[in-house]
Amino acid sequence: MNSFPLCHLFVPANKLDLIQKAENSEADGLIIDLEDSVPEDDKKATREILFDYLFSKELSKPFCIRINSLTTSNGKKDINTFKNSFKNFNGLIIPKIEDPAELTLLSKDIKAILLIETPIALENLSLLAQDKRIVGLALGGADLSAELGSDMSWDSLLMARSMIVMQASKYGLLTIDSPFMQLNDERLLAEESRKAKSMGFNSKFAIHPNQAKTIKERFLPTEEELKEAKKIIEAYSNTRGGAISVDGKMVDEPIVRLMKKRLWLSGTDLESK
């Protein structure tokens, strides 16, 4: 079963009641945020309270913790605090990452998703992505667009998205698309989610629980796509490799890997009917 969510909902770390509400939302994963959601003066207390909360309570959904930048004292304290392996803990979200040397601060057994938010991060993407502790790459569209002086439209951030998908594919990483900031436009959210999935993103951030249903619907494979994936995998398993034709489509090893990933992301086993 897939434990990597299709919709990651941001929740402020300093509002434990919202974490509880988020567990009951349609989002299938949570990002507990210690960075932008928490005022500077509250970070120390929030870090301690969050640790106690997670230590005493098992969250029902997969979650990550977005820590503060590793170039800050709070970031260093965050990684020293959240070394424990909590139930359903999918790792740390590392914001403002630019220099691969920053990753040496992480313990060897931690899992991390890098939030790509600056032109320097894009320039160093291949060096960042090859670190063994990295399991995913995510687009931080708001910060990146501010750095670029652009808006957050699809076309403006298309190159950044393409670079992230390419490097993630190169190193076998998962990907999260940038959040959609317009809370009352479900149609555009659905369209952006569809585009992100079509270019290779595995999931998308949400900034409000009401966005979760639309995001999940667009990222989940359709019944037709699942049937196609099973048929291709089964047909290829009966060959000795190379290229074959399935329903008039050329199939080789890369296509089979894509089909297996499709099933995995949907939480579907090959044997299931």
Protein backbone atom coordinates (compact mmCIF):
# COMPACT_ATOMS: atom_id res chain seq x y z
CA MET A 1 0.00 0.00 0.00
CA ASN A 2 1.26 3.45 -0.89
CA SER A 3 2.27 5.56 2.14
CA PHE A 4 3.25 8.59 0.07
CA PRO A 5 0.23 10.92 0.02
CA LEU A 6 -1.34 12.36 -3.11
CA CYS A 7 -2.37 15.49 -1.20
CA HIS A 8 -0.12 16.94 1.51
CA LEU A 9 -2.03 19.43 3.68
CA PHE A 10 -0.03 22.13 5.47
CA VAL A 11 -0.92 22.52 9.16
CA PRO A 12 0.63 25.08 11.56
CA ALA A 13 2.72 23.36 14.22
CA ASN A 14 1.63 25.90 16.85
CA LYS A 15 -2.07 24.98 16.55
CA LEU A 16 -2.49 21.42 17.76
CA ASP A 17 -6.27 21.61 17.39
CA LEU A 18 -5.82 22.14 13.64
CA ILE A 19 -3.60 19.06 13.44
CA GLN A 20 -6.45 17.05 14.95
CA LYS A 21 -8.92 18.56 12.48
CA ALA A 22 -6.56 17.89 9.58
CA GLU A 23 -6.49 14.21 10.52
CA ASN A 24 -10.23 14.14 9.85
CA SER A 25 -9.96 15.97 6.52
CA GLU A 26 -9.89 14.37 3.06
CA ALA A 27 -6.15 15.00 2.76
CA ASP A 28 -4.22 11.75 2.88
CA GLY A 29 -1.06 13.31 4.30
CA LEU A 30 -0.02 16.21 6.54
CA ILE A 31 2.85 18.70 6.56
CA ILE A 32 3.27 20.01 10.10
CA ASP A 33 4.88 23.40 9.61
CA LEU A 34 7.51 24.81 11.95
CA GLU A 35 8.73 27.38 9.45
CA ASP A 36 6.47 30.05 7.92
CA SER A 37 3.45 29.33 10.15
CA VAL A 38 5.29 29.95 13.41
CA PRO A 39 6.47 33.41 14.54
CA GLU A 40 10.17 33.64 15.36
CA ASP A 41 9.57 34.21 19.07
CA ASP A 42 7.34 31.12 19.29
CA LYS A 43 9.58 28.61 17.51
CA LYS A 44 11.34 27.22 20.60
CA ALA A 45 8.14 26.61 22.56
CA THR A 46 6.34 25.23 19.50
CA ARG A 47 9.17 22.79 18.79
CA GLU A 48 9.03 21.42 22.33
CA ILE A 49 5.24 21.19 22.44
CA LEU A 50 5.11 19.47 19.05
CA PHE A 51 7.69 16.89 20.10
CA ASP A 52 5.73 16.06 23.25
CA TYR A 53 2.52 15.85 21.23
CA LEU A 54 3.96 13.46 18.62
CA PHE A 55 5.71 11.40 21.28
CA SER A 56 2.47 10.86 23.19
CA LYS A 57 0.01 10.59 20.29
CA GLU A 58 0.14 8.49 17.12
CA LEU A 59 -1.08 10.40 14.08
CA SER A 60 -3.41 8.40 11.89
CA LYS A 61 -2.08 9.77 8.59
CA PRO A 62 1.40 9.88 7.04
CA PHE A 63 3.05 13.17 7.92
CA CYS A 64 6.20 15.20 7.41
CA ILE A 65 7.57 18.07 9.45
CA ARG A 66 8.67 21.20 7.62
CA ILE A 67 11.55 22.44 9.70
CA ASN A 68 13.33 25.78 9.51
CA SER A 69 16.22 26.36 7.12
CA LEU A 70 19.36 24.41 7.96
CA THR A 71 21.32 27.67 7.78
CA THR A 72 19.47 28.94 10.88
CA SER A 73 19.88 28.03 14.54
CA ASN A 74 16.22 26.99 14.65
CA GLY A 75 16.75 24.62 11.75
CA LYS A 76 19.67 22.96 13.52
CA LYS A 77 17.60 22.62 16.69
CA ASP A 78 14.72 21.16 14.69
CA ILE A 79 16.81 18.34 13.25
CA ASN A 80 18.26 17.56 16.67
CA THR A 81 14.77 17.40 18.15
CA PHE A 82 13.01 15.28 15.55
CA LYS A 83 15.38 12.34 15.32
CA ASN A 84 12.78 9.92 16.67
CA SER A 85 10.91 7.58 14.41
CA PHE A 86 7.25 8.37 15.01
CA LYS A 87 4.49 6.20 13.61
CA ASN A 88 3.53 7.31 10.06
CA PHE A 89 6.45 9.78 10.01
CA ASN A 90 7.59 10.23 6.40
CA GLY A 91 10.53 12.53 7.20
CA LEU A 92 11.54 16.17 7.15
CA ILE A 93 10.72 18.86 4.61
CA ILE A 94 13.87 20.94 4.20
CA PRO A 95 13.09 24.52 3.07
CA LYS A 96 15.34 27.14 1.47
CA ILE A 97 17.91 24.48 0.58
CA GLU A 98 20.68 25.62 -1.78
CA ASP A 99 24.04 24.13 -0.87
CA PRO A 100 24.50 20.31 -0.78
CA ALA A 101 26.87 20.84 2.17
CA GLU A 102 23.83 21.73 4.30
CA LEU A 103 22.68 18.11 4.07
CA THR A 104 25.69 16.89 6.03
CA LEU A 105 23.88 18.17 9.13
CA LEU A 106 21.26 15.44 8.76
CA SER A 107 21.67 12.09 10.46
CA LYS A 108 22.28 9.19 8.09
CA ASP A 109 18.99 7.47 8.85
CA ILE A 110 16.70 10.48 8.33
CA LYS A 111 14.47 10.77 5.27
CA ALA A 112 14.13 14.22 3.72
CA ILE A 113 12.16 15.99 1.01
CA LEU A 114 13.80 19.11 -0.39
CA LEU A 115 11.72 22.23 -0.96
CA ILE A 116 13.09 23.94 -4.06
CA GLU A 117 12.51 27.68 -3.64
CA THR A 118 15.42 29.59 -5.20
CA PRO A 119 17.30 29.85 -8.51
CA ILE A 120 20.47 28.58 -6.77
CA ALA A 121 18.57 25.49 -5.61
CA LEU A 122 17.52 24.84 -9.20
CA GLU A 123 21.09 25.30 -10.37
CA ASN A 124 22.34 22.79 -7.78
CA LEU A 125 19.40 20.42 -8.14
CA SER A 126 21.35 17.42 -9.41
CA LEU A 127 23.90 17.71 -6.59
CA LEU A 128 21.13 18.02 -4.01
CA ALA A 129 19.01 15.19 -5.37
CA GLN A 130 21.77 12.58 -5.37
CA ASP A 131 22.15 12.60 -1.58
CA LYS A 132 21.07 9.19 -0.23
CA ARG A 133 18.89 10.73 2.48
CA ILE A 134 16.70 12.49 -0.06
CA VAL A 135 13.45 10.72 -0.94
CA GLY A 136 11.62 13.55 -2.69
CA LEU A 137 11.69 16.97 -4.30
CA ALA A 138 8.99 19.62 -3.90
CA LEU A 139 8.34 22.93 -5.63
CA GLY A 140 7.97 26.00 -3.42
CA GLY A 141 6.32 28.19 -6.01
CA ALA A 142 5.58 31.24 -3.86
CA ASP A 143 9.17 31.78 -2.72
CA LEU A 144 10.62 30.90 -6.11
CA SER A 145 8.36 33.31 -7.96
CA ALA A 146 9.29 36.05 -5.47
CA GLU A 147 12.98 35.36 -6.19
CA LEU A 148 12.38 35.37 -9.94
CA GLY A 149 10.10 38.40 -9.91
CA SER A 150 7.45 36.37 -11.70
CA ASP A 151 3.89 35.42 -10.91
CA MET A 152 2.89 31.89 -9.89
CA SER A 153 1.16 31.00 -13.14
CA TRP A 154 1.74 27.61 -14.75
CA ASP A 155 3.77 29.03 -17.63
CA SER A 156 6.00 31.12 -15.34
CA LEU A 157 7.11 28.10 -13.28
CA LEU A 158 7.03 25.49 -16.04
CA MET A 159 10.82 25.28 -16.41
CA ALA A 160 11.28 24.82 -12.65
CA ARG A 161 8.67 22.06 -12.62
CA SER A 162 10.36 20.34 -15.56
CA MET A 163 13.75 20.46 -13.86
CA ILE A 164 12.35 18.96 -10.66
CA VAL A 165 10.58 16.12 -12.47
CA MET A 166 13.68 15.38 -14.55
CA GLN A 167 16.04 15.18 -11.57
CA ALA A 168 13.53 13.20 -9.51
CA SER A 169 13.23 10.69 -12.33
CA LYS A 170 17.01 10.51 -12.62
CA TYR A 171 17.44 9.56 -8.94
CA GLY A 172 14.18 7.70 -8.32
CA LEU A 173 12.64 10.36 -6.08
CA LEU A 174 9.03 11.30 -5.43
CA THR A 175 7.69 14.74 -6.26
CA ILE A 176 5.25 17.26 -4.79
CA ASP A 177 3.87 20.16 -6.82
CA SER A 178 3.53 23.68 -5.44
CA PRO A 179 0.32 24.66 -3.61
CA PHE A 180 -2.46 26.45 -5.47
CA MET A 181 -3.02 29.76 -3.70
CA GLN A 182 -6.54 30.65 -4.93
CA LEU A 183 -8.82 29.05 -2.37
CA ASN A 184 -12.10 29.64 -4.19
CA ASP A 185 -11.28 28.46 -7.70
CA GLU A 186 -11.81 24.71 -7.79
CA ARG A 187 -11.79 24.61 -11.58
CA LEU A 188 -8.30 26.10 -11.88
CA LEU A 189 -7.06 23.92 -9.01
CA ALA A 190 -8.31 20.84 -10.87
CA GLU A 191 -6.66 21.98 -14.10
CA GLU A 192 -3.31 22.72 -12.45
CA SER A 193 -3.42 19.36 -10.65
CA ARG A 194 -4.15 17.58 -13.93
CA LYS A 195 -1.22 19.30 -15.62
CA ALA A 196 1.13 18.49 -12.74
CA LYS A 197 0.20 14.83 -12.86
CA SER A 198 0.54 14.69 -16.64
CA MET A 199 4.12 16.00 -16.52
CA GLY A 200 5.19 13.53 -13.86
CA PHE A 201 4.44 14.95 -10.41
CA ASN A 202 3.25 12.36 -7.90
CA SER A 203 1.32 14.67 -5.59
CA LYS A 204 0.50 18.26 -4.66
CA PHE A 205 0.54 20.46 -1.57
CA ALA A 206 -2.75 21.81 -0.20
CA ILE A 207 -3.10 24.91 1.94
CA HIS A 208 -6.75 24.31 2.87
CA PRO A 209 -8.69 21.10 3.60
CA ASN A 210 -11.24 22.01 0.93
CA GLN A 211 -8.58 21.53 -1.75
CA ALA A 212 -7.89 17.90 -0.82
CA LYS A 213 -10.76 16.18 -2.63
CA THR A 214 -10.00 17.87 -5.96
CA ILE A 215 -6.26 17.21 -5.76
CA LYS A 216 -6.71 13.53 -4.90
CA GLU A 217 -9.24 13.02 -7.68
CA ARG A 218 -6.84 14.45 -10.26
CA PHE A 219 -3.78 12.51 -9.07
CA LEU A 220 -5.42 9.13 -8.55
CA PRO A 221 -5.17 6.90 -11.63
CA THR A 222 -8.51 6.20 -13.28
CA GLU A 223 -9.92 2.67 -13.44
CA GLU A 224 -8.93 2.58 -17.09
CA GLU A 225 -5.34 3.58 -16.25
CA LEU A 226 -5.13 0.91 -13.54
CA LYS A 227 -6.41 -1.80 -15.89
CA GLU A 228 -3.89 -0.71 -18.52
CA ALA A 229 -1.04 -0.82 -15.97
CA LYS A 230 -1.94 -4.33 -14.81
CA LYS A 231 -2.30 -5.60 -18.37
CA ILE A 232 1.07 -4.19 -19.44
CA ILE A 233 2.90 -5.52 -16.37
CA GLU A 234 1.37 -8.97 -16.74
CA ALA A 235 2.14 -9.12 -20.45
CA TYR A 236 5.73 -8.02 -19.94
CA SER A 237 6.28 -10.51 -17.11
CA ASN A 238 5.68 -13.32 -19.60
CA THR A 239 8.48 -12.16 -21.90
CA ARG A 240 12.25 -12.35 -21.75
CA GLY A 241 12.61 -8.57 -21.87
CA GLY A 242 13.12 -6.23 -24.77
CA ALA A 243 10.17 -4.50 -26.41
CA ILE A 244 6.67 -5.87 -26.96
CA SER A 245 3.34 -4.56 -28.24
CA VAL A 246 0.29 -4.33 -25.97
CA ASP A 247 -2.94 -3.12 -27.58
CA GLY A 248 -0.92 -1.51 -30.35
CA LYS A 249 1.40 0.35 -27.95
CA MET A 250 5.14 -0.26 -27.76
CA VAL A 251 6.15 -1.42 -24.28
CA ASP A 252 9.66 -1.76 -22.88
CA GLU A 253 11.28 -1.67 -19.44
CA PRO A 254 10.84 2.10 -18.81
CA ILE A 255 7.12 1.83 -19.59
CA VAL A 256 6.78 -1.10 -17.20
CA ARG A 257 8.47 0.91 -14.43
CA LEU A 258 6.01 3.73 -15.06
CA MET A 259 3.08 1.31 -14.84
CA LYS A 260 4.39 -0.15 -11.56
CA LYS A 261 4.73 3.35 -10.14
CA ARG A 262 1.14 4.08 -11.21
CA LEU A 263 -0.10 1.08 -9.23
CA TRP A 264 2.07 1.91 -6.23
CA LEU A 265 0.85 5.50 -6.05
CA SER A 266 -2.75 4.31 -6.13
CA GLY A 267 -2.14 1.77 -3.38
CA THR A 268 -3.08 -1.04 -5.77
CA ASP A 269 -1.45 -4.46 -5.82
CA LEU A 270 -0.88 -6.17 -9.14
CA GLU A 271 -2.86 -9.18 -7.92
CA SER A 272 -5.91 -7.15 -6.86
CA LYS A 273 -8.97 -7.29 -9.09
